[in-house]
Amino acid sequence: MSHPKLEVSPVARLFKALSDQTRLRIVALLSHGELCVCHVQAALKLPQPNVSRQLGILRSAGLVEDRREGSWVYYRLKPQADSDCERQIRGLVQGFAKDAALGREVERLLKSKGPGKCEAGR
């Protein structure tokens, strides 16, 4: 009896990208909605080059997508084409969404650092 080959590369790529604590924290922040790089930087209290590098890794892994608005770059979680990856991300996001403290932190950041106050691109 022949068994179908299990395709694990998309899931392996997902878990590899999430194996870093900083990248996992970024996904947790983005689970609450789109954020500018400066919002992520302020939330994590990390230098902008470090945040940009981590976001680049997440983008390369297909977990986040970005858009430019003038000088600012905004990131959001990307819908997953692979159903197993989508299920894993959805489970993580549901767990993060239950974290009221994280949600309050994101709200605080968005109020104090709205799009007109972004530091990205300055």
C-alpha atoms as a PDB file:
ATOM      1  CA  MET A   1       0.000   0.000   0.000  1.00  0.00           C
ATOM      2  CA  SER A   2       1.455   3.346  -1.046  1.00  0.00           C
ATOM      3  CA  HIS A   3       1.087   6.339   1.234  1.00  0.00           C
ATOM      4  CA  PRO A   4       0.969   9.870  -0.125  1.00  0.00           C
ATOM      5  CA  LYS A   5       4.095  11.879   0.573  1.00  0.00           C
ATOM      6  CA  LEU A   6       3.634  14.371   3.376  1.00  0.00           C
ATOM      7  CA  GLU A   7       4.572  17.890   2.223  1.00  0.00           C
ATOM      8  CA  VAL A   8       6.067  19.623   5.262  1.00  0.00           C
ATOM      9  CA  SER A   9       8.155  22.397   3.733  1.00  0.00           C
ATOM     10  CA  PRO A  10       5.557  25.210   4.132  1.00  0.00           C
ATOM     11  CA  VAL A  11       4.912  24.221   7.745  1.00  0.00           C
ATOM     12  CA  ALA A  12       8.640  23.777   8.396  1.00  0.00           C
ATOM     13  CA  ARG A  13       9.288  27.257   6.952  1.00  0.00           C
ATOM     14  CA  LEU A  14       6.536  28.649   9.204  1.00  0.00           C
ATOM     15  CA  PHE A  15       7.936  27.070  12.366  1.00  0.00           C
ATOM     16  CA  LYS A  16      11.484  28.085  11.468  1.00  0.00           C
ATOM     17  CA  ALA A  17      10.356  31.708  11.102  1.00  0.00           C
ATOM     18  CA  LEU A  18       8.505  31.529  14.429  1.00  0.00           C
ATOM     19  CA  SER A  19      11.399  29.888  16.283  1.00  0.00           C
ATOM     20  CA  ASP A  20      12.784  33.298  17.255  1.00  0.00           C
ATOM     21  CA  GLN A  21      11.248  35.063  20.272  1.00  0.00           C
ATOM     22  CA  THR A  22      11.374  38.502  18.629  1.00  0.00           C
ATOM     23  CA  ARG A  23       9.615  37.275  15.498  1.00  0.00           C
ATOM     24  CA  LEU A  24       6.985  35.533  17.607  1.00  0.00           C
ATOM     25  CA  ARG A  25       6.411  38.785  19.524  1.00  0.00           C
ATOM     26  CA  ILE A  26       6.039  40.646  16.218  1.00  0.00           C
ATOM     27  CA  VAL A  27       3.410  38.161  15.051  1.00  0.00           C
ATOM     28  CA  ALA A  28       1.642  38.619  18.390  1.00  0.00           C
ATOM     29  CA  LEU A  29       1.559  42.387  17.847  1.00  0.00           C
ATOM     30  CA  LEU A  30       0.389  42.041  14.254  1.00  0.00           C
ATOM     31  CA  SER A  31      -2.379  39.673  15.343  1.00  0.00           C
ATOM     32  CA  HIS A  32      -4.105  42.818  16.605  1.00  0.00           C
ATOM     33  CA  GLY A  33      -3.909  44.525  13.217  1.00  0.00           C
ATOM     34  CA  GLU A  34      -1.636  46.340  10.826  1.00  0.00           C
ATOM     35  CA  LEU A  35       1.232  48.309  12.358  1.00  0.00           C
ATOM     36  CA  CYS A  36       3.905  50.684  11.158  1.00  0.00           C
ATOM     37  CA  VAL A  37       7.522  49.639  11.699  1.00  0.00           C
ATOM     38  CA  CYS A  38       7.869  52.402  14.307  1.00  0.00           C
ATOM     39  CA  HIS A  39       4.943  50.945  16.286  1.00  0.00           C
ATOM     40  CA  VAL A  40       6.626  47.532  16.390  1.00  0.00           C
ATOM     41  CA  GLN A  41       9.939  49.153  17.296  1.00  0.00           C
ATOM     42  CA  ALA A  42       8.366  51.085  20.185  1.00  0.00           C
ATOM     43  CA  ALA A  43       6.421  48.077  21.466  1.00  0.00           C
ATOM     44  CA  LEU A  44       9.450  45.801  21.526  1.00  0.00           C
ATOM     45  CA  LYS A  45      11.919  48.522  22.549  1.00  0.00           C
ATOM     46  CA  LEU A  46      14.346  47.386  19.868  1.00  0.00           C
ATOM     47  CA  PRO A  47      16.438  49.365  17.377  1.00  0.00           C
ATOM     48  CA  GLN A  48      14.826  49.931  13.982  1.00  0.00           C
ATOM     49  CA  PRO A  49      17.454  47.885  12.036  1.00  0.00           C
ATOM     50  CA  ASN A  50      16.764  44.848  14.247  1.00  0.00           C
ATOM     51  CA  VAL A  51      12.980  45.172  13.812  1.00  0.00           C
ATOM     52  CA  SER A  52      13.336  45.641  10.049  1.00  0.00           C
ATOM     53  CA  ARG A  53      15.583  42.567   9.791  1.00  0.00           C
ATOM     54  CA  GLN A  54      13.099  40.425  11.732  1.00  0.00           C
ATOM     55  CA  LEU A  55      10.185  41.719   9.643  1.00  0.00           C
ATOM     56  CA  GLY A  56      12.196  40.890   6.517  1.00  0.00           C
ATOM     57  CA  ILE A  57      12.621  37.304   7.702  1.00  0.00           C
ATOM     58  CA  LEU A  58       8.881  37.052   8.393  1.00  0.00           C
ATOM     59  CA  ARG A  59       8.138  38.527   4.955  1.00  0.00           C
ATOM     60  CA  SER A  60      10.525  36.072   3.254  1.00  0.00           C
ATOM     61  CA  ALA A  61       8.797  33.215   5.068  1.00  0.00           C
ATOM     62  CA  GLY A  62       5.446  34.458   3.759  1.00  0.00           C
ATOM     63  CA  LEU A  63       4.023  35.303   7.190  1.00  0.00           C
ATOM     64  CA  VAL A  64       3.658  39.045   6.765  1.00  0.00           C
ATOM     65  CA  GLU A  65       3.123  41.467   3.931  1.00  0.00           C
ATOM     66  CA  ASP A  66       3.894  45.138   3.769  1.00  0.00           C
ATOM     67  CA  ARG A  67       2.604  48.256   2.101  1.00  0.00           C
ATOM     68  CA  ARG A  68       4.093  51.699   1.732  1.00  0.00           C
ATOM     69  CA  GLU A  69       2.228  54.881   2.468  1.00  0.00           C
ATOM     70  CA  GLY A  70       4.490  57.811   1.755  1.00  0.00           C
ATOM     71  CA  SER A  71       7.594  57.380   3.900  1.00  0.00           C
ATOM     72  CA  TRP A  72       5.985  54.771   6.159  1.00  0.00           C
ATOM     73  CA  VAL A  73       5.933  50.996   5.832  1.00  0.00           C
ATOM     74  CA  TYR A  74       3.052  49.078   7.395  1.00  0.00           C
ATOM     75  CA  TYR A  75       2.999  45.348   8.093  1.00  0.00           C
ATOM     76  CA  ARG A  76       0.141  42.914   8.567  1.00  0.00           C
ATOM     77  CA  LEU A  77      -0.222  39.161   8.795  1.00  0.00           C
ATOM     78  CA  LYS A  78      -0.517  37.582   5.366  1.00  0.00           C
ATOM     79  CA  PRO A  79      -3.265  35.067   4.577  1.00  0.00           C
ATOM     80  CA  GLN A  80      -1.647  31.667   4.076  1.00  0.00           C
ATOM     81  CA  ALA A  81      -2.090  29.707   0.844  1.00  0.00           C
ATOM     82  CA  ASP A  82      -1.191  26.456   2.618  1.00  0.00           C
ATOM     83  CA  SER A  83      -4.147  25.260   4.730  1.00  0.00           C
ATOM     84  CA  ASP A  84      -1.910  23.698   7.411  1.00  0.00           C
ATOM     85  CA  CYS A  85       0.021  26.969   7.797  1.00  0.00           C
ATOM     86  CA  GLU A  86      -3.212  28.957   7.886  1.00  0.00           C
ATOM     87  CA  ARG A  87      -4.544  26.685  10.639  1.00  0.00           C
ATOM     88  CA  GLN A  88      -1.345  27.087  12.685  1.00  0.00           C
ATOM     89  CA  ILE A  89      -1.325  30.876  12.298  1.00  0.00           C
ATOM     90  CA  ARG A  90      -5.037  31.090  13.118  1.00  0.00           C
ATOM     91  CA  GLY A  91      -4.408  29.110  16.325  1.00  0.00           C
ATOM     92  CA  LEU A  92      -1.573  31.431  17.323  1.00  0.00           C
ATOM     93  CA  VAL A  93      -3.597  34.543  16.513  1.00  0.00           C
ATOM     94  CA  GLN A  94      -6.569  33.292  18.543  1.00  0.00           C
ATOM     95  CA  GLY A  95      -4.251  32.749  21.493  1.00  0.00           C
ATOM     96  CA  PHE A  96      -2.704  36.199  21.095  1.00  0.00           C
ATOM     97  CA  ALA A  97      -6.117  37.843  20.714  1.00  0.00           C
ATOM     98  CA  LYS A  98      -7.044  36.563  24.169  1.00  0.00           C
ATOM     99  CA  ASP A  99      -4.075  38.422  25.668  1.00  0.00           C
ATOM    100  CA  ALA A 100      -5.807  41.552  26.951  1.00  0.00           C
ATOM    101  CA  ALA A 101      -2.534  43.153  28.075  1.00  0.00           C
ATOM    102  CA  LEU A 102      -1.090  42.838  24.569  1.00  0.00           C
ATOM    103  CA  GLY A 103      -4.267  44.300  23.078  1.00  0.00           C
ATOM    104  CA  ARG A 104      -4.098  47.281  25.440  1.00  0.00           C
ATOM    105  CA  GLU A 105      -0.436  47.821  24.575  1.00  0.00           C
ATOM    106  CA  VAL A 106      -1.246  47.893  20.852  1.00  0.00           C
ATOM    107  CA  GLU A 107      -4.134  50.327  21.435  1.00  0.00           C
ATOM    108  CA  ARG A 108      -1.865  52.557  23.514  1.00  0.00           C
ATOM    109  CA  LEU A 109       0.779  52.525  20.797  1.00  0.00           C
ATOM    110  CA  LEU A 110      -1.695  53.395  18.066  1.00  0.00           C
ATOM    111  CA  LYS A 111      -3.128  56.287  20.084  1.00  0.00           C
ATOM    112  CA  SER A 112       0.249  57.719  21.034  1.00  0.00           C
ATOM    113  CA  LYS A 113       1.941  57.091  17.674  1.00  0.00           C
ATOM    114  CA  GLY A 114      -0.668  57.550  14.956  1.00  0.00           C
ATOM    115  CA  PRO A 115       0.300  57.563  11.252  1.00  0.00           C
ATOM    116  CA  GLY A 116       1.090  61.286  11.345  1.00  0.00           C
ATOM    117  CA  LYS A 117       3.546  60.688  14.184  1.00  0.00           C
ATOM    118  CA  CYS A 118       5.439  57.751  12.687  1.00  0.00           C
ATOM    119  CA  GLU A 119       9.190  57.921  12.928  1.00  0.00           C
ATOM    120  CA  ALA A 120       9.785  55.613   9.974  1.00  0.00           C
ATOM    121  CA  GLY A 121      11.333  57.364   7.036  1.00  0.00           C
ATOM    122  CA  ARG A 122      12.602  60.357   9.042  1.00  0.00           C
END
